[in-house]
N, C-alpha and C. Protein backbone atom coordinates (compact mmCIF):
# COMPACT_ATOMS: atom_id res chain seq x y z
N MET A 1 2.04 -7.31 -6.24
CA MET A 1 0.69 -7.56 -5.80
C MET A 1 0.50 -6.97 -4.41
N VAL A 2 -0.68 -6.49 -4.17
CA VAL A 2 -0.97 -5.80 -2.92
C VAL A 2 -0.85 -6.71 -1.72
N TRP A 3 -1.16 -7.98 -1.85
CA TRP A 3 -1.24 -8.85 -0.69
C TRP A 3 0.08 -9.50 -0.30
N PHE A 4 1.19 -9.02 -0.79
CA PHE A 4 2.46 -9.60 -0.39
C PHE A 4 3.26 -8.66 0.50
N PHE A 5 2.61 -7.94 1.37
CA PHE A 5 3.24 -7.08 2.35
C PHE A 5 2.68 -7.43 3.71
N SER A 6 3.03 -6.67 4.73
CA SER A 6 2.52 -6.92 6.07
C SER A 6 1.50 -5.86 6.46
N MET A 7 0.98 -5.98 7.67
CA MET A 7 0.09 -4.96 8.22
C MET A 7 0.94 -3.72 8.47
N ILE A 8 0.53 -2.59 7.92
CA ILE A 8 1.27 -1.35 8.14
C ILE A 8 0.31 -0.26 8.61
N ASP A 9 0.83 0.72 9.32
CA ASP A 9 0.01 1.80 9.83
C ASP A 9 0.01 2.94 8.83
N LEU A 10 -1.15 3.38 8.41
CA LEU A 10 -1.27 4.47 7.46
C LEU A 10 -1.72 5.76 8.15
N GLY A 11 -1.46 5.87 9.43
CA GLY A 11 -1.82 7.08 10.15
C GLY A 11 -3.31 7.26 10.22
N SER A 12 -3.80 8.39 9.73
CA SER A 12 -5.22 8.73 9.84
C SER A 12 -6.10 7.79 9.03
N LEU A 13 -5.51 7.08 8.06
CA LEU A 13 -6.30 6.16 7.25
C LEU A 13 -6.52 4.82 7.95
N GLY A 14 -5.80 4.60 9.05
CA GLY A 14 -5.93 3.36 9.79
C GLY A 14 -5.01 2.29 9.24
N PRO A 15 -5.07 1.08 9.82
CA PRO A 15 -4.18 0.01 9.38
C PRO A 15 -4.59 -0.52 8.01
N LYS A 16 -3.63 -1.01 7.29
CA LYS A 16 -3.87 -1.58 5.97
C LYS A 16 -3.43 -3.04 6.03
N LEU A 17 -4.34 -3.95 5.75
CA LEU A 17 -4.03 -5.37 5.77
C LEU A 17 -3.63 -5.82 4.39
N ILE A 18 -2.48 -6.42 4.29
CA ILE A 18 -2.04 -6.94 3.02
C ILE A 18 -1.44 -8.32 3.25
N ARG A 19 -1.21 -9.04 2.19
CA ARG A 19 -0.75 -10.41 2.20
C ARG A 19 -1.86 -11.37 2.64
N PHE A 20 -3.09 -10.89 2.68
CA PHE A 20 -4.21 -11.71 3.16
C PHE A 20 -4.54 -12.85 2.22
N LYS A 21 -4.29 -12.70 0.93
CA LYS A 21 -4.68 -13.72 -0.05
C LYS A 21 -4.03 -15.06 0.27
N LEU A 22 -2.86 -15.02 0.89
CA LEU A 22 -2.17 -16.27 1.21
C LEU A 22 -2.91 -17.09 2.26
N HIS A 23 -3.84 -16.47 2.99
CA HIS A 23 -4.66 -17.23 3.96
C HIS A 23 -5.65 -18.14 3.25
N LEU A 24 -5.85 -17.96 1.94
CA LEU A 24 -6.76 -18.81 1.18
C LEU A 24 -6.17 -20.18 0.89
N ARG A 25 -4.84 -20.29 0.94
CA ARG A 25 -4.19 -21.51 0.51
C ARG A 25 -4.63 -22.70 1.32
N SER A 26 -4.56 -23.85 0.69
CA SER A 26 -4.95 -25.10 1.34
C SER A 26 -3.93 -25.45 2.41
N ARG A 27 -4.40 -25.78 3.57
CA ARG A 27 -3.50 -26.19 4.66
C ARG A 27 -2.87 -27.55 4.36
N VAL A 28 -3.54 -28.35 3.56
CA VAL A 28 -3.05 -29.68 3.23
C VAL A 28 -1.79 -29.61 2.37
N SER A 29 -1.69 -28.58 1.52
CA SER A 29 -0.59 -28.51 0.56
C SER A 29 0.68 -27.88 1.12
N GLN A 30 0.77 -27.68 2.45
CA GLN A 30 1.94 -27.04 3.03
C GLN A 30 3.21 -27.83 2.75
N GLY A 31 3.19 -29.12 2.95
CA GLY A 31 4.33 -29.93 2.58
C GLY A 31 5.54 -29.79 3.47
N SER A 32 6.64 -29.30 2.94
CA SER A 32 7.94 -29.31 3.61
C SER A 32 8.01 -28.34 4.79
N ASP A 33 9.04 -28.57 5.63
CA ASP A 33 9.27 -27.68 6.78
C ASP A 33 9.58 -26.27 6.32
N THR A 34 10.30 -26.14 5.21
CA THR A 34 10.64 -24.80 4.69
C THR A 34 9.38 -24.04 4.34
N ILE A 35 8.47 -24.69 3.65
CA ILE A 35 7.20 -24.04 3.28
C ILE A 35 6.42 -23.69 4.53
N SER A 36 6.38 -24.59 5.51
CA SER A 36 5.65 -24.33 6.75
C SER A 36 6.21 -23.11 7.47
N ARG A 37 7.55 -22.98 7.51
CA ARG A 37 8.16 -21.82 8.18
C ARG A 37 7.79 -20.52 7.47
N VAL A 38 7.75 -20.55 6.15
CA VAL A 38 7.37 -19.34 5.39
C VAL A 38 5.91 -19.01 5.66
N LEU A 39 5.04 -20.00 5.60
CA LEU A 39 3.62 -19.76 5.80
C LEU A 39 3.30 -19.30 7.21
N ASP A 40 4.10 -19.73 8.20
CA ASP A 40 3.90 -19.29 9.57
C ASP A 40 4.16 -17.80 9.74
N LYS A 41 4.86 -17.18 8.80
CA LYS A 41 5.19 -15.76 8.89
C LYS A 41 4.12 -14.85 8.26
N ILE A 42 3.06 -15.44 7.73
CA ILE A 42 1.99 -14.63 7.15
C ILE A 42 1.28 -13.92 8.28
N PRO A 43 1.14 -12.59 8.20
CA PRO A 43 0.47 -11.85 9.28
C PRO A 43 -0.95 -12.35 9.50
N PRO A 44 -1.43 -12.31 10.73
CA PRO A 44 -2.79 -12.79 11.01
C PRO A 44 -3.84 -11.84 10.43
N LEU A 45 -5.02 -12.38 10.26
CA LEU A 45 -6.15 -11.58 9.81
C LEU A 45 -6.66 -10.73 10.98
N PRO A 46 -7.41 -9.67 10.68
CA PRO A 46 -8.01 -8.88 11.77
C PRO A 46 -8.93 -9.77 12.61
N LEU A 47 -9.07 -9.42 13.88
CA LEU A 47 -9.95 -10.19 14.76
C LEU A 47 -11.37 -10.19 14.21
N ASN A 48 -12.04 -11.31 14.35
CA ASN A 48 -13.44 -11.48 13.96
C ASN A 48 -13.67 -11.30 12.46
N LYS A 49 -12.65 -11.50 11.65
CA LYS A 49 -12.79 -11.43 10.19
C LYS A 49 -12.24 -12.73 9.60
N THR A 50 -13.00 -13.31 8.67
CA THR A 50 -12.50 -14.47 7.95
C THR A 50 -11.72 -13.99 6.73
N VAL A 51 -10.96 -14.87 6.12
CA VAL A 51 -10.21 -14.50 4.93
C VAL A 51 -11.17 -14.14 3.79
N VAL A 52 -12.31 -14.80 3.72
CA VAL A 52 -13.30 -14.48 2.69
C VAL A 52 -13.84 -13.07 2.90
N GLU A 53 -14.09 -12.68 4.14
CA GLU A 53 -14.58 -11.32 4.42
C GLU A 53 -13.53 -10.26 4.09
N VAL A 54 -12.27 -10.54 4.41
CA VAL A 54 -11.20 -9.59 4.10
C VAL A 54 -11.05 -9.47 2.58
N PHE A 55 -11.07 -10.60 1.88
CA PHE A 55 -10.96 -10.59 0.43
C PHE A 55 -12.15 -9.86 -0.19
N ALA A 56 -13.35 -10.07 0.37
CA ALA A 56 -14.55 -9.38 -0.13
C ALA A 56 -14.40 -7.87 0.05
N ASP A 57 -13.88 -7.43 1.19
CA ASP A 57 -13.66 -5.99 1.41
C ASP A 57 -12.72 -5.44 0.35
N PHE A 58 -11.67 -6.19 0.03
CA PHE A 58 -10.69 -5.77 -0.98
C PHE A 58 -11.35 -5.69 -2.36
N LEU A 59 -12.13 -6.70 -2.73
CA LEU A 59 -12.81 -6.70 -4.03
C LEU A 59 -13.83 -5.57 -4.13
N GLU A 60 -14.54 -5.31 -3.04
CA GLU A 60 -15.51 -4.21 -3.04
C GLU A 60 -14.78 -2.88 -3.24
N TYR A 61 -13.64 -2.72 -2.58
CA TYR A 61 -12.83 -1.51 -2.74
C TYR A 61 -12.40 -1.34 -4.20
N LEU A 62 -11.91 -2.43 -4.83
CA LEU A 62 -11.49 -2.36 -6.23
C LEU A 62 -12.65 -2.01 -7.15
N LEU A 63 -13.81 -2.60 -6.91
CA LEU A 63 -14.99 -2.31 -7.73
C LEU A 63 -15.39 -0.84 -7.58
N ASN A 64 -15.36 -0.33 -6.36
CA ASN A 64 -15.70 1.08 -6.14
C ASN A 64 -14.71 2.00 -6.85
N CYS A 65 -13.43 1.67 -6.80
CA CYS A 65 -12.41 2.47 -7.50
C CYS A 65 -12.65 2.45 -9.01
N ALA A 66 -12.94 1.27 -9.55
CA ALA A 66 -13.18 1.15 -10.99
C ALA A 66 -14.42 1.94 -11.41
N SER A 67 -15.49 1.83 -10.64
CA SER A 67 -16.72 2.54 -11.00
C SER A 67 -16.52 4.06 -10.90
N ARG A 68 -15.83 4.49 -9.86
CA ARG A 68 -15.57 5.93 -9.72
C ARG A 68 -14.71 6.44 -10.87
N TYR A 69 -13.70 5.66 -11.27
CA TYR A 69 -12.84 6.06 -12.39
C TYR A 69 -13.65 6.19 -13.68
N ILE A 70 -14.48 5.21 -13.95
CA ILE A 70 -15.30 5.25 -15.18
C ILE A 70 -16.26 6.43 -15.14
N GLU A 71 -16.91 6.62 -14.02
CA GLU A 71 -17.88 7.71 -13.91
C GLU A 71 -17.24 9.09 -14.03
N GLU A 72 -16.00 9.23 -13.52
CA GLU A 72 -15.34 10.53 -13.51
C GLU A 72 -14.50 10.81 -14.76
N SER A 73 -14.11 9.79 -15.49
CA SER A 73 -13.18 10.01 -16.60
C SER A 73 -13.85 9.97 -17.98
N HIS A 74 -15.10 9.61 -18.06
CA HIS A 74 -15.83 9.58 -19.34
C HIS A 74 -16.92 10.64 -19.34
N ALA A 75 -17.19 11.17 -20.51
CA ALA A 75 -18.21 12.22 -20.63
C ALA A 75 -19.57 11.75 -20.10
N ASN A 76 -19.96 10.56 -20.44
CA ASN A 76 -21.22 9.98 -19.96
C ASN A 76 -20.91 8.85 -18.98
N GLY A 77 -19.96 9.09 -18.10
CA GLY A 77 -19.47 8.03 -17.23
C GLY A 77 -20.52 7.34 -16.39
N ALA A 78 -21.38 8.11 -15.77
CA ALA A 78 -22.41 7.51 -14.92
C ALA A 78 -23.36 6.64 -15.75
N ASP A 79 -23.75 7.14 -16.91
CA ASP A 79 -24.63 6.35 -17.79
C ASP A 79 -23.92 5.10 -18.29
N LEU A 80 -22.65 5.26 -18.65
CA LEU A 80 -21.87 4.11 -19.11
C LEU A 80 -21.79 3.05 -18.02
N TRP A 81 -21.43 3.46 -16.81
CA TRP A 81 -21.29 2.51 -15.70
C TRP A 81 -22.63 1.81 -15.42
N ASN A 82 -23.71 2.59 -15.37
CA ASN A 82 -25.03 2.00 -15.10
C ASN A 82 -25.46 1.01 -16.18
N SER A 83 -24.98 1.21 -17.40
CA SER A 83 -25.38 0.30 -18.50
C SER A 83 -24.64 -1.04 -18.45
N VAL A 84 -23.51 -1.12 -17.74
CA VAL A 84 -22.74 -2.36 -17.74
C VAL A 84 -22.58 -3.00 -16.36
N LYS A 85 -22.85 -2.27 -15.30
CA LYS A 85 -22.48 -2.74 -13.96
C LYS A 85 -23.14 -4.05 -13.54
N ASN A 86 -24.28 -4.37 -14.10
CA ASN A 86 -24.95 -5.62 -13.72
C ASN A 86 -24.65 -6.78 -14.66
N ASP A 87 -23.80 -6.56 -15.65
CA ASP A 87 -23.45 -7.61 -16.62
C ASP A 87 -21.96 -7.86 -16.70
N LEU A 88 -21.21 -7.48 -15.68
CA LEU A 88 -19.76 -7.66 -15.70
C LEU A 88 -19.37 -9.10 -15.42
N ASP A 89 -18.37 -9.58 -16.14
CA ASP A 89 -17.75 -10.86 -15.85
C ASP A 89 -16.41 -10.55 -15.20
N PHE A 90 -16.01 -11.36 -14.23
CA PHE A 90 -14.77 -11.13 -13.50
C PHE A 90 -13.84 -12.33 -13.68
N VAL A 91 -12.61 -12.05 -14.03
CA VAL A 91 -11.59 -13.09 -14.15
C VAL A 91 -10.54 -12.80 -13.08
N MET A 92 -10.38 -13.72 -12.16
CA MET A 92 -9.43 -13.55 -11.06
C MET A 92 -8.24 -14.46 -11.25
N SER A 93 -7.07 -13.93 -10.98
CA SER A 93 -5.87 -14.77 -11.06
C SER A 93 -5.56 -15.34 -9.69
N HIS A 94 -4.91 -16.47 -9.71
CA HIS A 94 -4.50 -17.12 -8.45
C HIS A 94 -3.20 -17.87 -8.70
N PRO A 95 -2.47 -18.16 -7.62
CA PRO A 95 -1.20 -18.89 -7.79
C PRO A 95 -1.40 -20.24 -8.49
N ASN A 96 -0.40 -20.63 -9.26
CA ASN A 96 -0.43 -21.95 -9.88
C ASN A 96 -0.58 -22.99 -8.77
N GLY A 97 -1.40 -23.98 -9.01
CA GLY A 97 -1.60 -25.04 -8.02
C GLY A 97 -2.85 -24.85 -7.17
N TRP A 98 -3.41 -23.66 -7.15
CA TRP A 98 -4.66 -23.48 -6.42
C TRP A 98 -5.78 -24.05 -7.26
N GLU A 99 -6.70 -24.74 -6.58
CA GLU A 99 -7.78 -25.39 -7.31
C GLU A 99 -9.13 -25.08 -6.69
N GLY A 100 -9.97 -26.07 -6.58
CA GLY A 100 -11.35 -25.89 -6.17
C GLY A 100 -11.58 -25.17 -4.86
N SER A 101 -10.89 -25.56 -3.80
CA SER A 101 -11.11 -24.96 -2.49
C SER A 101 -10.80 -23.46 -2.49
N GLU A 102 -9.65 -23.12 -3.00
CA GLU A 102 -9.25 -21.71 -3.02
C GLU A 102 -10.14 -20.90 -3.97
N GLN A 103 -10.45 -21.46 -5.13
CA GLN A 103 -11.32 -20.77 -6.09
C GLN A 103 -12.71 -20.58 -5.51
N SER A 104 -13.19 -21.56 -4.78
CA SER A 104 -14.51 -21.45 -4.16
C SER A 104 -14.55 -20.30 -3.15
N GLN A 105 -13.50 -20.16 -2.36
CA GLN A 105 -13.43 -19.06 -1.40
C GLN A 105 -13.37 -17.71 -2.12
N MET A 106 -12.61 -17.66 -3.21
CA MET A 106 -12.52 -16.41 -3.98
C MET A 106 -13.88 -16.06 -4.59
N ARG A 107 -14.59 -17.06 -5.07
CA ARG A 107 -15.93 -16.82 -5.65
C ARG A 107 -16.89 -16.36 -4.55
N ASP A 108 -16.81 -16.98 -3.36
CA ASP A 108 -17.65 -16.55 -2.24
C ASP A 108 -17.37 -15.10 -1.88
N ALA A 109 -16.11 -14.70 -1.92
CA ALA A 109 -15.74 -13.31 -1.63
C ALA A 109 -16.33 -12.36 -2.68
N ALA A 110 -16.33 -12.77 -3.93
CA ALA A 110 -16.90 -11.94 -4.99
C ALA A 110 -18.40 -11.74 -4.76
N VAL A 111 -19.08 -12.78 -4.32
CA VAL A 111 -20.52 -12.67 -4.02
C VAL A 111 -20.71 -11.76 -2.81
N LEU A 112 -19.95 -11.97 -1.76
CA LEU A 112 -20.06 -11.17 -0.55
C LEU A 112 -19.77 -9.69 -0.82
N ALA A 113 -18.86 -9.42 -1.74
CA ALA A 113 -18.50 -8.05 -2.09
C ALA A 113 -19.55 -7.37 -2.97
N GLY A 114 -20.50 -8.15 -3.48
CA GLY A 114 -21.53 -7.58 -4.34
C GLY A 114 -21.12 -7.48 -5.80
N LEU A 115 -20.04 -8.16 -6.19
CA LEU A 115 -19.63 -8.14 -7.58
C LEU A 115 -20.64 -8.87 -8.45
N VAL A 116 -21.14 -9.97 -7.93
CA VAL A 116 -22.13 -10.79 -8.66
C VAL A 116 -23.18 -11.26 -7.66
N PRO A 117 -24.40 -11.56 -8.15
CA PRO A 117 -25.43 -12.06 -7.24
C PRO A 117 -25.15 -13.50 -6.80
N ASP A 118 -25.71 -13.88 -5.68
CA ASP A 118 -25.51 -15.22 -5.13
C ASP A 118 -26.53 -16.19 -5.73
N ASN A 119 -26.33 -16.48 -7.01
CA ASN A 119 -27.15 -17.47 -7.70
C ASN A 119 -26.25 -18.12 -8.77
N PRO A 120 -26.68 -19.23 -9.35
CA PRO A 120 -25.82 -19.91 -10.33
C PRO A 120 -25.38 -19.01 -11.48
N SER A 121 -26.28 -18.17 -11.96
CA SER A 121 -25.93 -17.27 -13.06
C SER A 121 -24.86 -16.27 -12.63
N GLY A 122 -25.03 -15.70 -11.45
CA GLY A 122 -24.05 -14.74 -10.95
C GLY A 122 -22.71 -15.39 -10.69
N ARG A 123 -22.72 -16.54 -10.04
CA ARG A 123 -21.47 -17.24 -9.73
C ARG A 123 -20.73 -17.66 -11.00
N SER A 124 -21.47 -17.92 -12.08
CA SER A 124 -20.81 -18.32 -13.34
C SER A 124 -20.10 -17.15 -14.00
N ARG A 125 -20.35 -15.93 -13.54
CA ARG A 125 -19.66 -14.75 -14.10
C ARG A 125 -18.30 -14.53 -13.45
N VAL A 126 -17.89 -15.40 -12.53
CA VAL A 126 -16.57 -15.33 -11.91
C VAL A 126 -15.77 -16.52 -12.42
N SER A 127 -14.67 -16.25 -13.10
CA SER A 127 -13.82 -17.33 -13.58
C SER A 127 -12.39 -17.08 -13.13
N PHE A 128 -11.53 -18.06 -13.36
CA PHE A 128 -10.18 -18.02 -12.81
C PHE A 128 -9.13 -18.35 -13.85
N VAL A 129 -7.95 -17.80 -13.64
CA VAL A 129 -6.79 -18.08 -14.47
C VAL A 129 -5.58 -18.11 -13.55
N THR A 130 -4.66 -19.01 -13.82
CA THR A 130 -3.46 -19.04 -12.97
C THR A 130 -2.61 -17.80 -13.25
N GLU A 131 -1.84 -17.39 -12.26
CA GLU A 131 -0.99 -16.21 -12.43
C GLU A 131 0.04 -16.43 -13.54
N GLY A 132 0.51 -17.68 -13.68
CA GLY A 132 1.45 -17.98 -14.75
C GLY A 132 0.85 -17.76 -16.13
N GLU A 133 -0.37 -18.25 -16.32
CA GLU A 133 -1.05 -18.08 -17.60
C GLU A 133 -1.37 -16.61 -17.85
N ALA A 134 -1.82 -15.89 -16.83
CA ALA A 134 -2.12 -14.47 -16.98
C ALA A 134 -0.86 -13.69 -17.36
N SER A 135 0.27 -14.03 -16.73
CA SER A 135 1.53 -13.34 -17.04
C SER A 135 1.96 -13.61 -18.48
N LEU A 136 1.80 -14.84 -18.93
CA LEU A 136 2.16 -15.18 -20.30
C LEU A 136 1.32 -14.37 -21.30
N HIS A 137 0.02 -14.33 -21.09
CA HIS A 137 -0.85 -13.58 -22.00
C HIS A 137 -0.52 -12.09 -21.97
N PHE A 138 -0.22 -11.55 -20.80
CA PHE A 138 0.14 -10.14 -20.70
C PHE A 138 1.43 -9.88 -21.48
N ALA A 139 2.42 -10.75 -21.29
CA ALA A 139 3.71 -10.57 -21.98
C ALA A 139 3.54 -10.64 -23.49
N ILE A 140 2.73 -11.56 -23.95
CA ILE A 140 2.53 -11.71 -25.40
C ILE A 140 1.81 -10.49 -25.97
N GLN A 141 0.81 -9.99 -25.27
CA GLN A 141 0.02 -8.87 -25.79
C GLN A 141 0.69 -7.51 -25.63
N ASN A 142 1.64 -7.39 -24.71
CA ASN A 142 2.18 -6.07 -24.39
C ASN A 142 3.68 -5.95 -24.56
N SER A 143 4.25 -6.73 -25.45
CA SER A 143 5.69 -6.63 -25.64
C SER A 143 6.04 -6.93 -27.09
N ALA A 144 7.31 -6.92 -27.35
CA ALA A 144 7.79 -7.25 -28.69
C ALA A 144 7.43 -8.68 -29.06
N LEU A 145 7.17 -9.50 -28.05
CA LEU A 145 6.77 -10.88 -28.33
C LEU A 145 5.49 -10.94 -29.17
N SER A 146 4.65 -9.90 -29.06
CA SER A 146 3.38 -9.94 -29.78
C SER A 146 3.56 -10.03 -31.29
N GLN A 147 4.74 -9.64 -31.79
CA GLN A 147 4.99 -9.72 -33.23
C GLN A 147 5.35 -11.13 -33.68
N GLY A 148 5.91 -11.95 -32.78
CA GLY A 148 6.38 -13.25 -33.22
C GLY A 148 5.70 -14.44 -32.61
N VAL A 149 4.79 -14.22 -31.67
CA VAL A 149 4.16 -15.34 -30.98
C VAL A 149 2.66 -15.29 -31.19
N LYS A 150 2.10 -16.44 -31.47
CA LYS A 150 0.64 -16.54 -31.56
C LYS A 150 0.19 -17.69 -30.67
N VAL A 151 -0.89 -17.48 -29.94
CA VAL A 151 -1.48 -18.54 -29.15
C VAL A 151 -2.70 -19.04 -29.91
N ILE A 152 -2.66 -20.31 -30.29
CA ILE A 152 -3.73 -20.89 -31.09
C ILE A 152 -4.29 -22.07 -30.32
N ASP A 153 -5.50 -21.89 -29.78
CA ASP A 153 -6.18 -22.98 -29.08
C ASP A 153 -5.24 -23.68 -28.10
N SER A 154 -4.62 -22.92 -27.22
CA SER A 154 -3.73 -23.40 -26.17
C SER A 154 -2.38 -23.88 -26.69
N LEU A 155 -2.10 -23.73 -27.98
CA LEU A 155 -0.78 -24.06 -28.51
C LEU A 155 0.01 -22.77 -28.68
N LEU A 156 1.25 -22.79 -28.30
CA LEU A 156 2.10 -21.62 -28.45
C LEU A 156 2.97 -21.84 -29.66
N THR A 157 2.90 -20.92 -30.64
CA THR A 157 3.72 -21.04 -31.84
C THR A 157 4.59 -19.82 -31.97
N TRP A 158 5.73 -19.99 -32.60
CA TRP A 158 6.68 -18.89 -32.78
C TRP A 158 6.91 -18.70 -34.27
N ASN A 159 6.65 -17.47 -34.76
CA ASN A 159 6.88 -17.19 -36.16
C ASN A 159 8.31 -16.70 -36.34
N VAL A 160 9.08 -17.37 -37.19
CA VAL A 160 10.47 -16.95 -37.43
C VAL A 160 10.64 -16.43 -38.84
């Protein structure tokens, strides 16, 4: 994942901020001294930027990359992108254990980035899945497991 590195210098491209997503975590859930020591090592955010603003910049960058890819790689790319860009649903993954507070900040970042409008309908187009669940679905759909495992209404079954 992009956000598990430090601030690095990219020369003419300027600094690159990574590991910022960890600033979303709840301060209440820090718990043990070991966890606190690890969390204290997270690089600081840029001056005068909130974590939501940094996350919004990242989401806007990803959206721009996706739109440029679609527009440049399909014969009718611009028409295709224009036909779907206002009806996209976004599913964001987050660490297991993150709940309302962190999800709310991620949704605010999606609105700030222009992914969805700032209204109930727009906000409902942003949903969440834990990284563990996303990894399981990816593994099932993209490996040999896909031949023997079926997910049925949240039940995992194995065909032998």
